[in-house]
Amino acid sequence: MRGGAIRRVIHVALRPLLFAVYYLSGLIPRNDSLWVFGSWSGRLAGDNAGALYEYVSGLPQGPKCIWISADRRIVRALRSKGLLAGSRSSLVGWIACARAGVYLYDGLTSDINHWLSRGAKKVLLRHGVGIKRIERAIDNRSHHLFRLFHGKWWQRAVWAFLIPWHLPKPNWCLATSPEHARQATDFFGIEPSQVWVTGFPRHDKMLQNGQPAGAARAVAEAMRRTTRPSFLYMPTFRDRSRFRTVLWERLNEEARRADVELFVKLHFVDFLRGAMPTAERRKEWERIHWVDPDAEPTELYGSAAGLITDYSSVAFDMMLLSKPIIYFVPDLATFVEDRSLLYPVEEVTPGPKCESFEELGDALLVASQPGLGPWRDQYQTVVERFHTHRDGQSSPRVYRQLLEHLRHEPDGKATSPDIPPERMSSGNGDRAREVS
């Protein structure tokens, strides 16, 4: 049995004790001026949580912000920049998670520390705008999340024991538009009043033309150095297995035919599953460049000529920059067997839908030319439908919303800090720091 499997068995064996810890954590007094942040199960420092942490940490009179990570390298990197961070497995991290009045995370409470989260106010910042069903809205009866939320009593009990961090509902949740807000009520089982249409903090730096930092800096520079158009390829992960639908040799051939360079960034889940080819194999494809999985995607879009994706929410990020998007969907029929889609594909995908490598190569030839071509009108329609705010000011909006709601908690305590007036309309571009 491999080390990872052994750790999982031990973790499951300790569940009764951990459930007791979870219950007791709800009895500890919380401090609304202490906020903890986390992302991607504690393995990355970025996304909306990273951008908001960056912004709030830079406020002179803001709350105490601590990044919680499962990776001690991230903790050391943040501390070296004068930021507060703690390991999830350290005493410092435990105390911070147990005392924090506010949890801010991108996906699940396990992004920070699920077992110490009861009693904290939870703000779900979300990973993106999507077209596939997630969490409570999944309608595939064989999917483990359907069984957790809608299965027979024993199925719900088993999955609640195995993945309890999917169950807590957030107190508040972000959205990029009223359309996106309606998704949140179905996905997370919350009321419309709990959803804030603020836009995403991670878009601020991108919209303000901020300079890439951390792992994204080297990739962005490499894209700008190429004499050919550089396209990002960012496929989403598949539920059932590792991502194996792409034959890299064929992808390399089509890139050569279209005379472009491809920068491939696998979904973090696929990277953890080992889907990236070995270093020796990667050398075989001269037109394919592999992006560090720690790189913040929104800091790469500005340097790319366009995007290739499939059902991923990254397409909605790229739309904010009005760059061409190609949808490479050779497995559409099998993908929807696992995850049904919220919309007909044609309705929300303003770009060519390619089901073969030849179609992808042809689409790259067209996308390499200036402009959006025949997709311009639909492109604008989809952007307006899913992005109410396009001003690079989402972090200040989220911060103001959260302070306002903390002030009006039922217990009447106004323990949250005040936002300095001079910061209310400023973005985070002048305080950009590396968080990965």
Protein backbone atom coordinates (compact mmCIF):
# COMPACT_ATOMS: atom_id res chain seq x y z
CA MET A 1 0.00 0.00 0.00
CA ARG A 2 1.42 3.37 -1.00
CA GLY A 3 2.11 6.15 1.49
CA GLY A 4 -0.81 8.28 0.29
CA ALA A 5 -3.24 5.40 0.64
CA ILE A 6 -1.94 4.64 4.13
CA ARG A 7 -2.49 8.25 5.17
CA ARG A 8 -6.04 8.16 3.85
CA VAL A 9 -6.80 4.97 5.80
CA ILE A 10 -5.41 6.51 8.99
CA HIS A 11 -7.38 9.68 8.42
CA VAL A 12 -10.63 7.75 7.98
CA ALA A 13 -9.88 5.66 11.07
CA LEU A 14 -9.53 8.86 13.08
CA ARG A 15 -12.89 10.22 11.91
CA PRO A 16 -14.78 9.63 15.18
CA LEU A 17 -12.19 11.73 17.02
CA LEU A 18 -12.24 14.38 14.30
CA PHE A 19 -16.02 14.65 14.42
CA ALA A 20 -15.71 15.27 18.16
CA VAL A 21 -13.14 18.01 17.43
CA TYR A 22 -15.55 19.52 14.89
CA TYR A 23 -18.35 19.66 17.45
CA LEU A 24 -16.13 21.15 20.16
CA SER A 25 -14.78 23.80 17.77
CA GLY A 26 -18.25 25.29 17.67
CA LEU A 27 -18.04 26.03 21.42
CA ILE A 28 -14.89 28.16 21.15
CA PRO A 29 -15.43 31.96 21.15
CA ARG A 30 -14.68 33.44 17.74
CA ASN A 31 -13.02 36.73 16.88
CA ASP A 32 -14.55 38.52 13.88
CA SER A 33 -11.36 40.55 13.45
CA LEU A 34 -9.39 37.38 12.73
CA TRP A 35 -9.87 36.04 9.20
CA VAL A 36 -8.35 32.84 7.81
CA PHE A 37 -7.98 32.13 4.08
CA GLY A 38 -7.31 28.99 2.07
CA SER A 39 -7.60 27.48 -1.39
CA TRP A 40 -7.50 24.19 -3.26
CA SER A 41 -7.44 21.90 -0.22
CA GLY A 42 -4.59 23.91 1.23
CA ARG A 43 -2.22 22.99 -1.61
CA LEU A 44 -2.16 26.30 -3.48
CA ALA A 45 -2.11 29.99 -2.61
CA GLY A 46 -4.11 31.82 -5.24
CA ASP A 47 -7.54 32.03 -6.86
CA ASN A 48 -10.14 34.35 -5.31
CA ALA A 49 -8.97 33.60 -1.78
CA GLY A 50 -5.40 34.54 -2.68
CA ALA A 51 -6.42 37.80 -4.35
CA LEU A 52 -8.68 38.87 -1.48
CA TYR A 53 -6.09 37.89 1.14
CA GLU A 54 -3.58 40.03 -0.74
CA TYR A 55 -5.93 43.01 -0.79
CA VAL A 56 -7.12 42.85 2.81
CA SER A 57 -3.62 42.17 4.15
CA GLY A 58 -2.56 45.47 2.58
CA LEU A 59 -5.16 47.57 4.39
CA PRO A 60 -3.62 49.63 7.23
CA GLN A 61 -6.63 49.18 9.51
CA GLY A 62 -7.92 45.87 8.27
CA PRO A 63 -8.50 42.62 10.15
CA LYS A 64 -5.76 40.16 11.00
CA CYS A 65 -5.46 37.91 7.96
CA ILE A 66 -3.76 34.50 8.07
CA TRP A 67 -3.26 32.16 5.13
CA ILE A 68 -3.64 28.51 6.12
CA SER A 69 -1.84 25.96 3.96
CA ALA A 70 -1.08 22.25 3.91
CA ASP A 71 2.24 23.06 2.22
CA ARG A 72 4.92 24.46 4.49
CA ARG A 73 6.77 25.87 1.48
CA ILE A 74 3.83 28.19 0.84
CA VAL A 75 3.85 29.23 4.49
CA ARG A 76 7.55 30.07 4.37
CA ALA A 77 7.18 31.97 1.09
CA LEU A 78 4.37 34.13 2.44
CA ARG A 79 6.14 34.82 5.70
CA SER A 80 9.25 35.88 3.81
CA LYS A 81 7.13 38.64 2.25
CA GLY A 82 5.92 39.89 5.62
CA LEU A 83 2.51 38.22 5.36
CA LEU A 84 0.85 36.10 8.03
CA ALA A 85 0.57 32.39 7.26
CA GLY A 86 0.35 29.15 9.18
CA SER A 87 0.59 25.45 8.47
CA ARG A 88 -2.65 23.52 8.85
CA SER A 89 -0.78 20.87 10.87
CA SER A 90 0.92 23.32 13.26
CA LEU A 91 -0.13 24.66 16.64
CA VAL A 92 -0.19 28.18 15.20
CA GLY A 93 -2.49 27.04 12.41
CA TRP A 94 -4.81 25.18 14.78
CA ILE A 95 -5.18 28.15 17.09
CA ALA A 96 -5.86 30.51 14.19
CA CYS A 97 -8.50 28.19 12.70
CA ALA A 98 -10.17 27.60 16.06
CA ARG A 99 -10.35 31.31 16.94
CA ALA A 100 -11.05 32.87 13.53
CA GLY A 101 -14.44 34.48 13.21
CA VAL A 102 -14.37 34.37 9.41
CA TYR A 103 -13.36 31.59 7.00
CA LEU A 104 -12.78 32.68 3.39
CA TYR A 105 -12.23 29.86 0.91
CA ASP A 106 -12.68 29.03 -2.76
CA GLY A 107 -14.35 25.65 -2.66
CA LEU A 108 -14.80 23.84 0.65
CA THR A 109 -14.03 24.36 4.32
CA SER A 110 -11.27 21.76 3.82
CA ASP A 111 -9.40 24.47 1.88
CA ILE A 112 -8.58 25.77 5.37
CA ASN A 113 -9.41 23.29 8.16
CA HIS A 114 -12.85 21.71 8.14
CA TRP A 115 -12.52 20.15 11.58
CA LEU A 116 -12.06 23.51 13.30
CA SER A 117 -14.59 25.48 11.25
CA ARG A 118 -17.85 24.99 13.16
CA GLY A 119 -19.05 28.30 14.53
CA ALA A 120 -17.07 30.48 12.11
CA LYS A 121 -18.82 32.63 9.53
CA LYS A 122 -18.10 31.10 6.14
CA VAL A 123 -17.61 33.07 2.94
CA LEU A 124 -17.49 30.93 -0.20
CA LEU A 125 -15.51 32.86 -2.81
CA ARG A 126 -15.97 30.15 -5.48
CA HIS A 127 -13.63 28.76 -8.13
CA GLY A 128 -15.35 30.16 -11.19
CA VAL A 129 -18.32 30.62 -13.46
CA GLY A 130 -19.23 27.26 -14.89
CA ILE A 131 -21.52 25.46 -17.29
CA LYS A 132 -21.42 22.08 -15.54
CA ARG A 133 -23.46 21.09 -12.51
CA ILE A 134 -21.65 20.84 -9.19
CA GLU A 135 -22.39 19.95 -5.55
CA ARG A 136 -26.14 19.76 -4.77
CA ALA A 137 -27.12 20.31 -8.41
CA ILE A 138 -25.41 17.16 -9.74
CA ASP A 139 -28.16 14.91 -11.11
CA ASN A 140 -26.12 11.82 -12.05
CA ARG A 141 -27.40 9.18 -9.62
CA SER A 142 -24.13 7.25 -9.67
CA HIS A 143 -22.07 10.28 -8.67
CA HIS A 144 -20.88 10.29 -5.05
CA LEU A 145 -22.09 13.86 -4.50
CA PHE A 146 -25.58 12.98 -5.71
CA ARG A 147 -25.58 10.14 -3.18
CA LEU A 148 -24.34 12.47 -0.45
CA PHE A 149 -27.11 15.02 -0.96
CA HIS A 150 -29.96 13.05 -2.54
CA GLY A 151 -29.28 9.34 -2.07
CA LYS A 152 -30.83 6.79 0.24
CA TRP A 153 -30.30 7.34 3.94
CA TRP A 154 -27.42 4.90 4.16
CA GLN A 155 -25.73 6.43 1.10
CA ARG A 156 -26.00 9.89 2.65
CA ALA A 157 -24.59 8.56 5.92
CA VAL A 158 -21.61 6.81 4.31
CA TRP A 159 -20.62 9.79 2.18
CA ALA A 160 -21.21 12.24 5.03
CA PHE A 161 -18.69 10.19 7.03
CA LEU A 162 -16.16 10.15 4.17
CA ILE A 163 -16.45 13.73 2.84
CA PRO A 164 -18.21 15.84 5.50
CA TRP A 165 -16.64 19.09 4.26
CA HIS A 166 -19.16 19.17 1.40
CA LEU A 167 -22.07 19.53 3.82
CA PRO A 168 -21.66 22.93 5.54
CA LYS A 169 -23.51 25.71 3.77
CA PRO A 170 -21.74 29.05 3.52
CA ASN A 171 -23.14 32.06 5.30
CA TRP A 172 -22.40 34.10 2.19
CA CYS A 173 -21.26 33.40 -1.34
CA LEU A 174 -19.87 35.45 -4.22
CA ALA A 175 -21.26 35.74 -7.73
CA THR A 176 -20.22 37.59 -10.85
CA SER A 177 -23.77 38.37 -12.07
CA PRO A 178 -27.44 37.68 -11.23
CA GLU A 179 -27.27 34.66 -13.55
CA HIS A 180 -24.28 33.32 -11.65
CA ALA A 181 -26.04 34.07 -8.36
CA ARG A 182 -28.95 31.84 -9.36
CA GLN A 183 -26.51 28.99 -9.84
CA ALA A 184 -25.30 29.43 -6.26
CA THR A 185 -28.70 28.82 -4.73
CA ASP A 186 -28.97 25.49 -6.55
CA PHE A 187 -25.37 24.44 -6.05
CA PHE A 188 -25.00 25.27 -2.35
CA GLY A 189 -28.55 25.21 -0.97
CA ILE A 190 -28.57 28.83 0.19
CA GLU A 191 -31.01 31.72 -0.14
CA PRO A 192 -30.65 34.46 -2.78
CA SER A 193 -30.06 37.00 0.00
CA GLN A 194 -26.87 35.15 0.92
CA VAL A 195 -25.29 35.69 -2.50
CA TRP A 196 -23.34 38.88 -3.26
CA VAL A 197 -22.94 40.00 -6.87
CA THR A 198 -19.51 41.55 -6.42
CA GLY A 199 -17.40 40.00 -9.16
CA PHE A 200 -14.31 37.90 -8.45
CA PRO A 201 -11.27 39.31 -6.62
CA ARG A 202 -8.92 37.33 -8.85
CA HIS A 203 -10.08 39.38 -11.85
CA ASP A 204 -8.94 42.71 -10.36
CA LYS A 205 -5.27 42.43 -11.16
CA MET A 206 -6.01 41.07 -14.62
CA LEU A 207 -8.36 43.97 -15.45
CA GLN A 208 -5.88 46.50 -14.08
CA ASN A 209 -3.10 45.07 -16.27
CA GLY A 210 -1.06 44.12 -13.23
CA GLN A 211 2.26 42.37 -13.73
CA PRO A 212 2.33 38.57 -13.26
CA ALA A 213 3.99 37.35 -10.08
CA GLY A 214 5.22 34.08 -8.61
CA ALA A 215 5.08 31.04 -10.86
CA ALA A 216 3.05 32.95 -13.47
CA ARG A 217 5.82 35.45 -14.15
CA ALA A 218 8.16 33.06 -15.97
CA VAL A 219 5.32 31.58 -18.04
CA ALA A 220 4.02 35.00 -19.07
CA GLU A 221 7.52 36.06 -20.08
CA ALA A 222 7.97 32.89 -22.14
CA MET A 223 4.69 33.54 -23.97
CA ARG A 224 5.71 37.11 -24.75
CA ARG A 225 9.13 36.01 -26.05
CA THR A 226 7.77 33.67 -28.71
CA THR A 227 7.61 34.93 -32.28
CA ARG A 228 4.47 32.87 -32.92
CA PRO A 229 1.01 33.36 -31.36
CA SER A 230 0.86 31.72 -27.92
CA PHE A 231 -2.32 29.90 -26.92
CA LEU A 232 -3.12 28.59 -23.46
CA TYR A 233 -4.65 25.12 -23.34
CA MET A 234 -6.54 24.55 -20.09
CA PRO A 235 -8.81 21.48 -19.99
CA THR A 236 -10.97 20.74 -16.99
CA PHE A 237 -10.68 17.51 -15.01
CA ARG A 238 -12.81 14.41 -15.54
CA ASP A 239 -14.58 12.68 -12.65
CA ARG A 240 -13.90 9.08 -13.53
CA SER A 241 -10.24 8.95 -14.45
CA ARG A 242 -7.10 10.83 -15.29
CA PHE A 243 -7.30 13.14 -18.28
CA ARG A 244 -6.37 10.91 -21.19
CA THR A 245 -8.39 12.23 -24.13
CA VAL A 246 -5.54 14.21 -25.62
CA LEU A 247 -2.85 12.58 -27.70
CA TRP A 248 -0.03 15.05 -27.21
CA GLU A 249 1.62 14.04 -30.47
CA ARG A 250 -1.47 15.07 -32.43
CA LEU A 251 -1.83 18.28 -30.48
CA ASN A 252 1.79 19.11 -31.27
CA GLU A 253 1.20 18.39 -34.97
CA GLU A 254 -1.79 20.75 -35.15
CA ALA A 255 0.15 23.47 -33.33
CA ARG A 256 2.90 23.10 -35.91
CA ARG A 257 0.40 23.24 -38.79
CA ALA A 258 -1.21 26.39 -37.38
CA ASP A 259 2.25 27.83 -36.61
CA VAL A 260 1.44 28.56 -32.96
CA GLU A 261 2.91 27.71 -29.57
CA LEU A 262 0.75 25.92 -26.98
CA PHE A 263 1.15 26.43 -23.25
CA VAL A 264 -0.61 23.59 -21.44
CA LYS A 265 -1.87 24.08 -17.90
CA LEU A 266 -3.54 20.97 -16.56
CA HIS A 267 -6.27 21.24 -13.97
CA PHE A 268 -4.76 20.97 -10.50
CA VAL A 269 -6.79 17.81 -9.81
CA ASP A 270 -5.35 16.15 -12.91
CA PHE A 271 -1.85 17.23 -11.95
CA LEU A 272 -2.26 15.58 -8.54
CA ARG A 273 -3.51 12.43 -10.25
CA GLY A 274 -0.26 12.25 -12.22
CA ALA A 275 -1.69 13.19 -15.61
CA MET A 276 1.32 15.29 -16.66
CA PRO A 277 3.72 13.33 -18.90
CA THR A 278 7.21 12.63 -17.64
CA ALA A 279 9.96 15.19 -18.19
CA GLU A 280 11.53 12.89 -20.80
CA ARG A 281 8.30 12.62 -22.79
CA ARG A 282 7.59 16.36 -22.58
CA LYS A 283 10.80 17.05 -24.51
CA GLU A 284 9.38 15.24 -27.55
CA TRP A 285 6.82 17.93 -28.38
CA GLU A 286 8.57 21.13 -29.44
CA ARG A 287 5.39 23.23 -29.80
CA ILE A 288 4.00 22.28 -26.37
CA HIS A 289 5.17 24.04 -23.22
CA TRP A 290 4.06 22.91 -19.77
CA VAL A 291 2.84 25.46 -17.28
CA ASP A 292 3.71 25.24 -13.60
CA PRO A 293 0.51 24.07 -11.83
CA ASP A 294 1.10 26.74 -9.16
CA ALA A 295 0.81 29.57 -11.72
CA GLU A 296 -2.24 31.77 -11.25
CA PRO A 297 -4.20 31.44 -14.55
CA THR A 298 -5.64 34.96 -14.55
CA GLU A 299 -2.09 36.32 -14.61
CA LEU A 300 -1.38 34.44 -17.85
CA TYR A 301 -4.35 35.49 -19.97
CA GLY A 302 -2.96 38.92 -20.78
CA SER A 303 0.14 37.41 -22.43
CA ALA A 304 -1.77 34.80 -24.47
CA ALA A 305 -3.20 35.27 -27.94
CA GLY A 306 -6.16 33.10 -27.03
CA LEU A 307 -7.44 30.13 -25.06
CA ILE A 308 -8.28 26.50 -25.79
CA THR A 309 -10.52 24.84 -23.21
CA ASP A 310 -13.63 22.67 -22.97
CA TYR A 311 -16.17 22.85 -20.12
CA SER A 312 -13.91 24.81 -17.80
CA SER A 313 -14.84 28.08 -16.13
CA VAL A 314 -11.56 29.57 -17.36
CA ALA A 315 -13.38 30.50 -20.58
CA PHE A 316 -15.48 33.01 -18.64
CA ASP A 317 -12.31 34.56 -17.19
CA MET A 318 -10.74 34.99 -20.63
CA MET A 319 -13.92 36.64 -21.95
CA LEU A 320 -13.16 39.67 -19.81
CA LEU A 321 -10.16 40.36 -22.07
CA SER A 322 -12.05 39.86 -25.37
CA LYS A 323 -9.61 37.28 -26.70
CA PRO A 324 -10.53 34.30 -28.93
CA ILE A 325 -11.63 31.08 -27.25
CA ILE A 326 -11.61 27.64 -28.88
CA TYR A 327 -13.64 24.85 -27.30
CA PHE A 328 -11.97 21.47 -27.81
CA VAL A 329 -14.67 18.94 -26.85
CA PRO A 330 -13.89 15.52 -28.38
CA ASP A 331 -15.54 13.73 -25.42
CA LEU A 332 -18.75 15.75 -25.08
CA ALA A 333 -21.02 12.70 -25.21
CA THR A 334 -19.16 10.82 -22.48
CA PHE A 335 -18.49 13.90 -20.33
CA VAL A 336 -22.20 14.64 -19.86
CA GLU A 337 -22.73 11.09 -18.60
CA ASP A 338 -20.87 12.18 -15.45
CA ARG A 339 -21.81 15.85 -15.29
CA SER A 340 -24.85 17.22 -17.06
CA LEU A 341 -24.51 20.80 -18.23
CA LEU A 342 -26.52 23.79 -17.06
CA TYR A 343 -26.90 25.23 -20.55
CA PRO A 344 -26.86 23.98 -24.13
CA VAL A 345 -23.23 24.11 -25.18
CA GLU A 346 -23.88 26.47 -28.09
CA GLU A 347 -25.63 29.02 -25.87
CA VAL A 348 -22.68 30.05 -23.70
CA THR A 349 -19.60 29.17 -25.77
CA PRO A 350 -18.74 32.03 -28.15
CA GLY A 351 -16.14 30.22 -30.19
CA PRO A 352 -15.70 27.19 -32.46
CA LYS A 353 -16.54 23.77 -30.98
CA CYS A 354 -13.92 21.28 -32.17
CA GLU A 355 -14.42 17.55 -31.85
CA SER A 356 -11.33 16.47 -33.80
CA PHE A 357 -7.69 17.49 -33.96
CA GLU A 358 -8.12 18.64 -37.56
CA GLU A 359 -10.93 21.01 -36.52
CA LEU A 360 -8.75 22.28 -33.69
CA GLY A 361 -5.89 23.04 -36.07
CA ASP A 362 -8.24 24.90 -38.43
CA ALA A 363 -9.66 26.90 -35.52
CA LEU A 364 -6.15 27.86 -34.40
CA LEU A 365 -5.38 29.18 -37.88
CA VAL A 366 -8.45 31.44 -37.72
CA ALA A 367 -7.95 32.49 -34.09
CA SER A 368 -4.38 33.56 -34.85
CA GLN A 369 -5.80 36.43 -36.90
CA PRO A 370 -6.91 39.71 -35.20
CA GLY A 371 -10.44 40.03 -33.87
CA LEU A 372 -13.21 37.67 -32.77
CA GLY A 373 -14.66 37.13 -36.23
CA PRO A 374 -18.23 35.76 -36.36
CA TRP A 375 -18.30 35.25 -32.59
CA ARG A 376 -18.15 38.93 -31.64
CA ASP A 377 -21.88 39.51 -30.99
CA GLN A 378 -22.40 36.30 -29.02
CA TYR A 379 -19.18 36.98 -27.12
CA GLN A 380 -20.49 40.34 -25.91
CA THR A 381 -23.86 38.83 -24.99
CA VAL A 382 -22.28 36.12 -22.84
CA VAL A 383 -19.92 38.59 -21.14
CA GLU A 384 -22.81 40.86 -20.17
CA ARG A 385 -24.83 37.89 -18.94
CA PHE A 386 -22.12 36.54 -16.63
CA HIS A 387 -20.06 39.61 -15.64
CA THR A 388 -21.91 42.52 -14.10
CA HIS A 389 -18.71 44.20 -12.84
CA ARG A 390 -15.75 44.62 -15.16
CA ASP A 391 -13.93 47.43 -13.37
CA GLY A 392 -11.19 45.64 -11.41
CA GLN A 393 -12.77 46.67 -8.08
CA SER A 394 -14.18 43.38 -6.83
CA SER A 395 -11.90 43.01 -3.80
CA PRO A 396 -13.05 46.32 -2.27
CA ARG A 397 -16.68 45.36 -2.98
CA VAL A 398 -16.33 41.99 -1.25
CA TYR A 399 -14.61 43.60 1.71
CA ARG A 400 -17.33 46.23 2.14
CA GLN A 401 -20.07 43.61 1.86
CA LEU A 402 -18.47 41.40 4.47
CA LEU A 403 -17.93 44.25 6.94
CA GLU A 404 -21.52 45.37 6.51
CA HIS A 405 -22.86 41.88 7.21
CA LEU A 406 -20.58 41.37 10.20
CA ARG A 407 -21.86 44.62 11.72
CA HIS A 408 -25.43 43.39 11.47
CA GLU A 409 -25.00 39.95 12.99
CA PRO A 410 -27.86 38.99 15.35
CA ASP A 411 -25.65 39.20 18.47
CA GLY A 412 -25.17 42.90 17.82
CA LYS A 413 -21.40 42.74 18.19
CA ALA A 414 -19.50 45.12 15.95
CA THR A 415 -16.08 43.57 16.31
CA SER A 416 -15.07 43.87 12.66
CA PRO A 417 -12.59 46.54 11.59
CA ASP A 418 -13.53 49.65 9.65
CA ILE A 419 -12.47 50.06 6.05
CA PRO A 420 -10.39 53.18 5.54
CA PRO A 421 -12.37 55.61 3.29
CA GLU A 422 -9.39 56.18 1.00
CA ARG A 423 -9.28 52.45 0.22
CA MET A 424 -12.91 52.04 -0.72
CA SER A 425 -12.52 52.73 -4.42
CA SER A 426 -8.99 51.46 -4.89
CA GLY A 427 -8.14 48.15 -6.49
CA ASN A 428 -5.38 45.80 -5.50
CA GLY A 429 -2.98 46.55 -8.33
CA ASP A 430 -0.78 48.82 -6.23
CA ARG A 431 -0.49 46.23 -3.50
CA ALA A 432 0.11 43.15 -5.62
CA ARG A 433 2.24 40.61 -3.82
CA GLU A 434 3.13 37.05 -4.66
CA VAL A 435 0.99 34.47 -2.93
CA SER A 436 2.38 31.35 -4.52
